Amino acid sequence: MASKRESRMAQIVELTRDKVVTAQSIATQQGVSCRSVYRDIASLKALGMPIEGSRGLGYMLRSNRLKGGGEVNG
């Protein structure tokens, strides 16, 4: 069973797929603080997810592939 954080991180991937979404928007939808969203996005980036953006501007998952060439949902 996935932890709350793992579920939230999976939702962040879906929310940011090919569109810009702010951390505030994600936080409101997930019922957490912006700080939690920032930490989750940093963790996803460290895992190789191609999430681009910054605080205040928003975040976007640029493609459906990991940096190493593997598919996210493959």
N, C-alpha and C. Protein backbone atom coordinates (compact mmCIF):
# COMPACT_ATOMS: atom_id res chain seq x y z
N MET A 1 0.85 -1.18 0.00
CA MET A 1 0.00 0.00 0.00
C MET A 1 0.89 1.25 0.00
N ALA A 2 0.57 2.18 -0.84
CA ALA A 2 1.37 3.40 -0.97
C ALA A 2 1.13 4.33 0.23
N SER A 3 2.19 5.00 0.64
CA SER A 3 2.05 5.99 1.72
C SER A 3 1.34 7.22 1.18
N LYS A 4 0.92 8.08 2.08
CA LYS A 4 0.27 9.33 1.66
C LYS A 4 1.21 10.15 0.78
N ARG A 5 2.49 10.17 1.15
CA ARG A 5 3.46 10.95 0.37
C ARG A 5 3.64 10.36 -1.02
N GLU A 6 3.75 9.04 -1.11
CA GLU A 6 3.89 8.40 -2.42
C GLU A 6 2.68 8.67 -3.30
N SER A 7 1.51 8.61 -2.71
CA SER A 7 0.27 8.89 -3.46
C SER A 7 0.25 10.34 -3.93
N ARG A 8 0.69 11.24 -3.04
CA ARG A 8 0.73 12.67 -3.39
C ARG A 8 1.72 12.92 -4.51
N MET A 9 2.88 12.27 -4.45
CA MET A 9 3.89 12.45 -5.49
C MET A 9 3.39 11.92 -6.83
N ALA A 10 2.68 10.80 -6.82
CA ALA A 10 2.10 10.28 -8.06
C ALA A 10 1.08 11.26 -8.61
N GLN A 11 0.31 11.89 -7.74
CA GLN A 11 -0.67 12.88 -8.18
C GLN A 11 0.02 14.12 -8.76
N ILE A 12 1.14 14.52 -8.17
CA ILE A 12 1.90 15.66 -8.70
C ILE A 12 2.35 15.36 -10.13
N VAL A 13 2.82 14.14 -10.37
CA VAL A 13 3.23 13.76 -11.73
C VAL A 13 2.06 13.92 -12.69
N GLU A 14 0.90 13.44 -12.30
CA GLU A 14 -0.27 13.55 -13.18
C GLU A 14 -0.71 15.00 -13.38
N LEU A 15 -0.72 15.78 -12.31
CA LEU A 15 -1.16 17.17 -12.41
C LEU A 15 -0.25 18.03 -13.26
N THR A 16 1.04 17.72 -13.26
CA THR A 16 2.00 18.55 -13.98
C THR A 16 2.29 18.05 -15.39
N ARG A 17 1.65 16.97 -15.80
CA ARG A 17 1.91 16.40 -17.13
C ARG A 17 1.43 17.37 -18.21
N ASP A 18 2.39 17.96 -18.94
CA ASP A 18 2.13 18.83 -20.08
C ASP A 18 1.32 20.09 -19.78
N LYS A 19 1.32 20.54 -18.53
CA LYS A 19 0.70 21.83 -18.20
C LYS A 19 1.36 22.39 -16.94
N VAL A 20 1.37 23.70 -16.84
CA VAL A 20 1.97 24.37 -15.69
C VAL A 20 0.96 24.43 -14.55
N VAL A 21 1.39 24.01 -13.38
CA VAL A 21 0.55 24.01 -12.18
C VAL A 21 1.36 24.61 -11.04
N THR A 22 0.75 25.49 -10.26
CA THR A 22 1.46 26.09 -9.13
C THR A 22 1.47 25.16 -7.93
N ALA A 23 2.46 25.35 -7.08
CA ALA A 23 2.53 24.57 -5.85
C ALA A 23 1.31 24.86 -4.97
N GLN A 24 0.86 26.10 -4.99
CA GLN A 24 -0.32 26.45 -4.19
C GLN A 24 -1.54 25.66 -4.64
N SER A 25 -1.71 25.53 -5.94
CA SER A 25 -2.83 24.77 -6.49
C SER A 25 -2.75 23.30 -6.08
N ILE A 26 -1.56 22.72 -6.19
CA ILE A 26 -1.36 21.33 -5.79
C ILE A 26 -1.62 21.17 -4.30
N ALA A 27 -1.07 22.10 -3.51
CA ALA A 27 -1.24 22.03 -2.06
C ALA A 27 -2.71 22.08 -1.66
N THR A 28 -3.46 22.96 -2.30
CA THR A 28 -4.88 23.08 -1.99
C THR A 28 -5.62 21.79 -2.34
N GLN A 29 -5.33 21.23 -3.50
CA GLN A 29 -5.98 19.99 -3.93
C GLN A 29 -5.63 18.81 -3.03
N GLN A 30 -4.39 18.78 -2.54
CA GLN A 30 -3.92 17.65 -1.74
C GLN A 30 -4.09 17.85 -0.23
N GLY A 31 -4.45 19.06 0.18
CA GLY A 31 -4.64 19.33 1.61
C GLY A 31 -3.35 19.35 2.40
N VAL A 32 -2.27 19.85 1.76
CA VAL A 32 -0.97 19.96 2.42
C VAL A 32 -0.44 21.37 2.23
N SER A 33 0.71 21.65 2.82
CA SER A 33 1.32 22.97 2.67
C SER A 33 2.12 23.04 1.37
N CYS A 34 2.38 24.27 0.93
CA CYS A 34 3.24 24.47 -0.25
C CYS A 34 4.61 23.88 0.01
N ARG A 35 5.08 23.99 1.23
CA ARG A 35 6.41 23.46 1.58
C ARG A 35 6.46 21.95 1.31
N SER A 36 5.39 21.23 1.64
CA SER A 36 5.35 19.79 1.36
C SER A 36 5.41 19.53 -0.14
N VAL A 37 4.73 20.34 -0.92
CA VAL A 37 4.75 20.19 -2.36
C VAL A 37 6.16 20.46 -2.89
N TYR A 38 6.81 21.51 -2.39
CA TYR A 38 8.18 21.81 -2.82
C TYR A 38 9.11 20.63 -2.52
N ARG A 39 8.97 20.03 -1.34
CA ARG A 39 9.81 18.87 -0.98
C ARG A 39 9.52 17.69 -1.90
N ASP A 40 8.24 17.46 -2.18
CA ASP A 40 7.87 16.34 -3.06
C ASP A 40 8.43 16.55 -4.47
N ILE A 41 8.34 17.77 -4.98
CA ILE A 41 8.86 18.06 -6.31
C ILE A 41 10.38 17.88 -6.34
N ALA A 42 11.06 18.32 -5.29
CA ALA A 42 12.52 18.14 -5.21
C ALA A 42 12.87 16.65 -5.21
N SER A 43 12.08 15.85 -4.50
CA SER A 43 12.31 14.40 -4.48
C SER A 43 12.07 13.78 -5.84
N LEU A 44 11.01 14.20 -6.51
CA LEU A 44 10.72 13.68 -7.85
C LEU A 44 11.85 14.03 -8.82
N LYS A 45 12.35 15.26 -8.74
CA LYS A 45 13.46 15.67 -9.60
C LYS A 45 14.70 14.82 -9.31
N ALA A 46 14.96 14.56 -8.03
CA ALA A 46 16.11 13.75 -7.64
C ALA A 46 15.99 12.31 -8.17
N LEU A 47 14.77 11.85 -8.35
CA LEU A 47 14.52 10.51 -8.90
C LEU A 47 14.61 10.48 -10.42
N GLY A 48 14.81 11.66 -11.04
CA GLY A 48 14.97 11.74 -12.48
C GLY A 48 13.75 12.18 -13.25
N MET A 49 12.70 12.58 -12.56
CA MET A 49 11.51 13.06 -13.26
C MET A 49 11.82 14.42 -13.88
N PRO A 50 11.51 14.62 -15.14
CA PRO A 50 11.83 15.88 -15.83
C PRO A 50 10.82 16.99 -15.54
N ILE A 51 10.72 17.34 -14.27
CA ILE A 51 9.82 18.42 -13.86
C ILE A 51 10.61 19.71 -13.91
N GLU A 52 10.06 20.69 -14.61
CA GLU A 52 10.71 21.99 -14.74
C GLU A 52 9.83 23.05 -14.09
N GLY A 53 10.46 24.14 -13.68
CA GLY A 53 9.73 25.25 -13.11
C GLY A 53 10.39 25.74 -11.84
N SER A 54 9.71 26.65 -11.18
CA SER A 54 10.24 27.20 -9.94
C SER A 54 9.12 27.76 -9.09
N ARG A 55 9.46 28.02 -7.84
CA ARG A 55 8.49 28.58 -6.91
C ARG A 55 7.95 29.90 -7.46
N GLY A 56 6.65 30.08 -7.35
CA GLY A 56 6.02 31.31 -7.80
C GLY A 56 5.58 31.28 -9.25
N LEU A 57 6.25 30.46 -10.07
CA LEU A 57 5.89 30.38 -11.49
C LEU A 57 5.07 29.14 -11.81
N GLY A 58 5.36 28.05 -11.16
CA GLY A 58 4.67 26.80 -11.41
C GLY A 58 5.60 25.73 -11.92
N TYR A 59 5.08 24.52 -12.04
CA TYR A 59 5.86 23.36 -12.43
C TYR A 59 5.17 22.61 -13.54
N MET A 60 5.99 21.92 -14.36
CA MET A 60 5.45 21.17 -15.48
C MET A 60 6.34 19.96 -15.75
N LEU A 61 5.72 18.81 -15.95
CA LEU A 61 6.44 17.62 -16.37
C LEU A 61 6.56 17.69 -17.88
N ARG A 62 7.78 17.80 -18.40
CA ARG A 62 7.99 18.08 -19.81
C ARG A 62 7.73 16.90 -20.74
N SER A 63 7.91 15.67 -20.29
CA SER A 63 7.70 14.53 -21.16
C SER A 63 7.27 13.34 -20.33
N ASN A 64 7.01 12.23 -21.00
CA ASN A 64 6.63 11.03 -20.27
C ASN A 64 7.80 10.06 -20.13
N ARG A 65 9.01 10.57 -20.23
CA ARG A 65 10.20 9.72 -20.09
C ARG A 65 11.11 10.22 -18.96
N LEU A 66 11.75 9.27 -18.31
CA LEU A 66 12.75 9.59 -17.30
C LEU A 66 14.04 9.99 -17.99
N LYS A 67 14.93 10.63 -17.28
CA LYS A 67 16.22 11.04 -17.86
C LYS A 67 16.99 9.86 -18.43
N GLY A 68 16.88 8.71 -17.80
CA GLY A 68 17.60 7.53 -18.26
C GLY A 68 16.97 6.85 -19.47
N GLY A 69 15.84 7.35 -19.94
CA GLY A 69 15.21 6.80 -21.13
C GLY A 69 14.05 5.87 -20.84
N GLY A 70 13.87 5.48 -19.56
CA GLY A 70 12.75 4.60 -19.22
C GLY A 70 11.45 5.36 -19.19
N GLU A 71 10.36 4.68 -19.41
CA GLU A 71 9.06 5.33 -19.39
C GLU A 71 8.56 5.45 -17.97
N VAL A 72 7.84 6.52 -17.68
CA VAL A 72 7.29 6.74 -16.35
C VAL A 72 6.26 5.68 -16.01
N ASN A 73 5.34 5.42 -16.91
CA ASN A 73 4.28 4.44 -16.67
C ASN A 73 4.45 3.24 -17.58
N GLY A 74 5.66 2.79 -17.71
CA GLY A 74 5.91 1.73 -18.67
C GLY A 74 6.17 0.46 -18.05
